[in-house]
Amino acid sequence: MKKIVLQIFTLLVFVFGINSASAQSFTVDKDTVWYTVSGYASISDAVTNSTSSPIQINWKVTGHSLPSDWQSVMGICDNKNCYSSGVLSGSTYISDTFSNKCDFHIQCDFSSCAAGGPYFLVVQLTNASTTKNIVFAMRKYPTAVASINKENKAINLYPNPANEDLNVVFDASLNVKNVTITNLIGKVMQVYNVGGNSAKLNVSNLDAGIYFVNLADEHGRVAVKKFSVIK
């Protein structure tokens, strides 16, 4: 009898340990936030406290692909303060405590910035038990080129997740000239020239993770779709 009680106690301790280790103290609304900018913008993602007690978040920028003119006109805000472009250096900041939600956002004015993108900025949020990464993906179209609202609906990727080959099929009206694969912080991994309305991309040399397929026409206009590589 004592042996059975001891076994049950040991099992409960083991299960409780697993649940405690896997519990998350906070969540984020979106792991990737897409935004097409023009002038002033506030690009938000909410952080939600998952516990019954107030918490604080440590956060820092872990990487970005922003050109210099974009860097100089933006800052990042938590529930405590708004910080200028110096945050891009990777210093760590600490939010105020919050019990429910913390509004975390990029504040910027891209009116005078050159068109381009998508550009990526990765922010890591952490506390004692949880770490999350938010990817802010931003782009700006040339003023003479209208935004295409149906771009992403006109692109199909399969299989997704991919292991060896990724098939990209797109609407011929996009007039795609080249396809680029970038990683989470905007680093170009592969570039392909294409013709027609499809492409077969070999992704076997990419590490497991999240990537983006960027489709550009002759004006440099880009449509973007996210995919994953598994090993």
Protein backbone atom coordinates (compact mmCIF):
# COMPACT_ATOMS: atom_id res chain seq x y z
CA MET A 1 0.00 0.00 0.00
CA LYS A 2 2.79 2.41 0.93
CA LYS A 3 4.50 1.58 -2.36
CA ILE A 4 1.35 2.46 -4.35
CA VAL A 5 0.89 5.76 -2.48
CA LEU A 6 4.53 6.61 -3.13
CA GLN A 7 4.13 5.83 -6.85
CA ILE A 8 1.01 8.03 -7.08
CA PHE A 9 2.76 10.86 -5.25
CA THR A 10 5.77 10.58 -7.57
CA LEU A 11 3.48 10.65 -10.63
CA LEU A 12 1.65 13.73 -9.37
CA VAL A 13 4.92 15.53 -8.74
CA PHE A 14 6.08 14.61 -12.26
CA VAL A 15 2.86 15.80 -13.91
CA PHE A 16 2.81 19.00 -11.86
CA GLY A 17 6.40 19.65 -12.85
CA ILE A 18 5.57 19.25 -16.55
CA ASN A 19 2.55 21.54 -16.31
CA SER A 20 4.48 24.16 -14.39
CA ALA A 21 7.33 24.09 -16.89
CA SER A 22 4.99 24.43 -19.86
CA ALA A 23 2.80 27.18 -18.37
CA GLN A 24 3.11 30.50 -20.15
CA SER A 25 2.95 33.71 -18.17
CA PHE A 26 1.95 35.76 -21.23
CA THR A 27 0.83 35.42 -24.85
CA VAL A 28 0.94 37.73 -27.89
CA ASP A 29 -1.97 38.33 -30.25
CA LYS A 30 0.14 37.76 -33.39
CA ASP A 31 3.61 36.35 -33.90
CA THR A 32 3.86 38.28 -37.19
CA VAL A 33 2.28 41.71 -37.78
CA TRP A 34 2.04 42.83 -41.43
CA TYR A 35 1.57 46.51 -42.26
CA THR A 36 1.66 48.58 -45.45
CA VAL A 37 2.85 52.07 -44.45
CA SER A 38 2.35 55.43 -46.14
CA GLY A 39 2.79 58.21 -43.58
CA TYR A 40 2.28 58.20 -39.83
CA ALA A 41 1.52 54.79 -38.39
CA SER A 42 1.08 53.03 -35.06
CA ILE A 43 1.61 49.30 -35.57
CA SER A 44 0.37 47.37 -32.55
CA ASP A 45 0.46 43.92 -31.03
CA ALA A 46 -1.10 43.16 -27.65
CA VAL A 47 0.62 41.17 -24.90
CA THR A 48 -1.81 39.37 -22.57
CA ASN A 49 -1.02 38.35 -19.00
CA SER A 50 -1.91 34.66 -18.56
CA THR A 51 -1.39 34.58 -14.79
CA SER A 52 -3.43 35.76 -11.81
CA SER A 53 -0.74 38.23 -10.73
CA PRO A 54 0.74 41.37 -12.30
CA ILE A 55 3.84 40.77 -14.44
CA GLN A 56 6.56 42.77 -16.17
CA ILE A 57 8.12 42.09 -19.56
CA ASN A 58 11.75 42.48 -20.57
CA TRP A 59 12.06 43.24 -24.27
CA LYS A 60 14.67 44.06 -26.90
CA VAL A 61 15.13 44.26 -30.66
CA THR A 62 17.05 41.15 -31.75
CA GLY A 63 17.31 41.99 -35.46
CA HIS A 64 15.99 44.14 -38.28
CA SER A 65 16.46 44.88 -41.99
CA LEU A 66 15.29 48.53 -41.94
CA PRO A 67 17.14 50.99 -44.22
CA SER A 68 18.69 54.02 -42.53
CA ASP A 69 15.91 56.45 -43.49
CA TRP A 70 13.31 54.15 -41.93
CA GLN A 71 15.35 53.71 -38.76
CA SER A 72 15.60 57.44 -38.08
CA VAL A 73 11.83 58.09 -37.97
CA MET A 74 10.57 55.29 -35.78
CA GLY A 75 10.41 54.24 -32.16
CA ILE A 76 8.94 51.46 -30.03
CA CYS A 77 6.47 51.89 -27.17
CA ASP A 78 5.42 49.68 -24.27
CA ASN A 79 3.02 50.55 -21.44
CA LYS A 80 5.73 52.57 -19.71
CA ASN A 81 7.34 54.79 -22.32
CA CYS A 82 8.09 55.40 -26.00
CA TYR A 83 11.71 54.99 -27.05
CA SER A 84 13.42 56.49 -30.09
CA SER A 85 15.36 54.66 -32.79
CA GLY A 86 18.10 53.90 -30.25
CA VAL A 87 16.11 50.78 -29.36
CA LEU A 88 17.41 49.20 -32.56
CA SER A 89 20.81 48.75 -30.91
CA GLY A 90 19.50 45.75 -28.97
CA SER A 91 19.39 47.21 -25.45
CA THR A 92 16.94 45.63 -23.00
CA TYR A 93 13.92 47.58 -21.71
CA ILE A 94 11.44 46.72 -18.95
CA SER A 95 7.70 47.40 -19.12
CA ASP A 96 5.54 48.54 -16.23
CA THR A 97 3.64 45.81 -14.45
CA PHE A 98 0.27 44.90 -15.95
CA SER A 99 -2.54 42.58 -14.90
CA ASN A 100 -4.45 42.22 -18.18
CA LYS A 101 -3.03 43.53 -21.47
CA CYS A 102 0.00 45.57 -22.45
CA ASP A 103 -0.19 47.50 -25.73
CA PHE A 104 3.15 47.04 -27.49
CA HIS A 105 3.62 49.01 -30.70
CA ILE A 106 5.87 50.68 -33.25
CA GLN A 107 5.28 54.41 -33.71
CA CYS A 108 6.62 55.98 -36.89
CA ASP A 109 6.23 58.54 -39.66
CA PHE A 110 7.34 57.17 -43.02
CA SER A 111 6.04 60.10 -45.10
CA SER A 112 9.51 61.10 -46.29
CA CYS A 113 10.95 57.59 -46.49
CA ALA A 114 11.76 55.82 -49.73
CA ALA A 115 9.39 53.08 -50.82
CA GLY A 116 10.50 49.51 -50.40
CA GLY A 117 10.21 46.37 -48.38
CA PRO A 118 9.10 44.19 -46.95
CA TYR A 119 11.44 45.11 -44.09
CA PHE A 120 11.43 43.11 -40.88
CA LEU A 121 11.96 44.00 -37.24
CA VAL A 122 12.08 41.26 -34.59
CA VAL A 123 11.34 42.02 -30.93
CA GLN A 124 11.94 39.43 -28.22
CA LEU A 125 9.77 39.59 -25.09
CA THR A 126 10.63 37.56 -22.03
CA ASN A 127 10.24 37.11 -18.30
CA ALA A 128 11.20 34.33 -15.89
CA SER A 129 9.09 31.63 -17.54
CA THR A 130 8.15 32.70 -21.09
CA THR A 131 9.87 34.01 -24.20
CA LYS A 132 8.04 35.22 -27.32
CA ASN A 133 9.19 36.84 -30.56
CA ILE A 134 7.10 39.35 -32.51
CA VAL A 135 7.98 40.00 -36.15
CA PHE A 136 6.86 43.37 -37.52
CA ALA A 137 6.84 43.18 -41.34
CA MET A 138 6.48 46.57 -43.08
CA ARG A 139 6.50 47.78 -46.65
CA LYS A 140 5.78 51.01 -48.52
CA TYR A 141 4.64 51.22 -52.12
CA PRO A 142 5.83 53.89 -54.58
CA THR A 143 3.24 56.67 -54.72
CA ALA A 144 2.67 55.97 -58.40
CA VAL A 145 1.87 52.32 -57.77
CA ALA A 146 -1.38 51.33 -56.11
CA SER A 147 -1.44 48.68 -53.42
CA ILE A 148 -2.85 45.35 -54.52
CA ASN A 149 -5.28 44.17 -51.88
CA LYS A 150 -5.72 40.74 -53.41
CA GLU A 151 -2.00 39.89 -53.72
CA ASN A 152 -1.71 37.28 -51.02
CA LYS A 153 -4.97 35.63 -52.05
CA ALA A 154 -3.48 35.22 -55.53
CA ILE A 155 -0.51 33.20 -54.23
CA ASN A 156 -0.56 29.52 -53.27
CA LEU A 157 2.33 27.69 -51.59
CA TYR A 158 2.53 23.91 -51.22
CA PRO A 159 3.53 21.84 -49.40
CA ASN A 160 3.61 24.16 -46.40
CA PRO A 161 5.50 23.26 -44.24
CA ALA A 162 8.08 22.19 -46.84
CA ASN A 163 11.11 19.94 -46.62
CA GLU A 164 12.65 19.56 -50.08
CA ASP A 165 10.74 21.62 -52.66
CA LEU A 166 8.26 24.47 -52.29
CA ASN A 167 5.84 25.08 -55.15
CA VAL A 168 4.72 28.67 -55.68
CA VAL A 169 1.70 29.31 -57.91
CA PHE A 170 0.50 32.86 -58.51
CA ASP A 171 -2.00 34.76 -60.61
CA ALA A 172 -0.55 35.78 -63.98
CA SER A 173 -1.89 39.31 -63.44
CA LEU A 174 0.84 39.88 -60.82
CA ASN A 175 3.40 39.77 -63.67
CA VAL A 176 6.05 38.29 -61.38
CA LYS A 177 9.65 38.60 -62.58
CA ASN A 178 11.57 37.21 -59.61
CA VAL A 179 11.00 35.35 -56.37
CA THR A 180 13.09 35.88 -53.24
CA ILE A 181 13.17 33.87 -50.03
CA THR A 182 14.00 35.85 -46.89
CA ASN A 183 14.28 34.80 -43.26
CA LEU A 184 12.56 36.39 -40.25
CA ILE A 185 14.86 39.40 -40.13
CA GLY A 186 14.79 40.06 -43.87
CA LYS A 187 18.07 38.39 -44.86
CA VAL A 188 17.90 37.18 -48.45
CA MET A 189 18.41 33.41 -48.56
CA GLN A 190 17.64 32.61 -52.22
CA VAL A 191 16.70 34.52 -55.40
CA TYR A 192 15.03 33.05 -58.49
CA ASN A 193 14.11 34.53 -61.88
CA VAL A 194 10.78 33.15 -63.02
CA GLY A 195 8.53 33.08 -66.04
CA GLY A 196 4.88 32.14 -66.31
CA ASN A 197 2.77 31.80 -63.21
CA SER A 198 4.63 29.25 -61.09
CA ALA A 199 8.00 28.37 -59.62
CA LYS A 200 9.52 25.35 -57.90
CA LEU A 201 11.95 26.37 -55.15
CA ASN A 202 14.43 23.98 -53.58
CA VAL A 203 14.50 24.71 -49.84
CA SER A 204 16.39 21.63 -48.69
CA ASN A 205 19.45 23.70 -47.73
CA LEU A 206 17.47 25.99 -45.41
CA ASP A 207 17.41 25.37 -41.67
CA ALA A 208 14.10 24.53 -40.03
CA GLY A 209 12.12 27.68 -39.29
CA ILE A 210 9.85 30.38 -40.70
CA TYR A 211 10.60 32.15 -44.00
CA PHE A 212 8.89 34.47 -46.47
CA VAL A 213 8.40 34.19 -50.23
CA ASN A 214 8.60 37.65 -51.83
CA LEU A 215 7.27 38.11 -55.37
CA ALA A 216 8.33 41.22 -57.32
CA ASP A 217 7.16 42.64 -60.64
CA GLU A 218 9.05 45.02 -62.93
CA HIS A 219 8.23 47.97 -60.63
CA GLY A 220 9.70 46.23 -57.60
CA ARG A 221 6.24 45.82 -56.10
CA VAL A 222 6.20 42.85 -53.74
CA ALA A 223 3.62 40.34 -52.62
CA VAL A 224 4.57 38.25 -49.60
CA LYS A 225 3.54 34.88 -48.19
CA LYS A 226 4.87 33.07 -45.14
CA PHE A 227 5.97 29.42 -45.10
CA SER A 228 7.81 27.00 -42.85
CA VAL A 229 10.68 24.58 -43.40
CA ILE A 230 10.76 21.34 -41.39
CA LYS A 231 13.52 18.76 -41.08
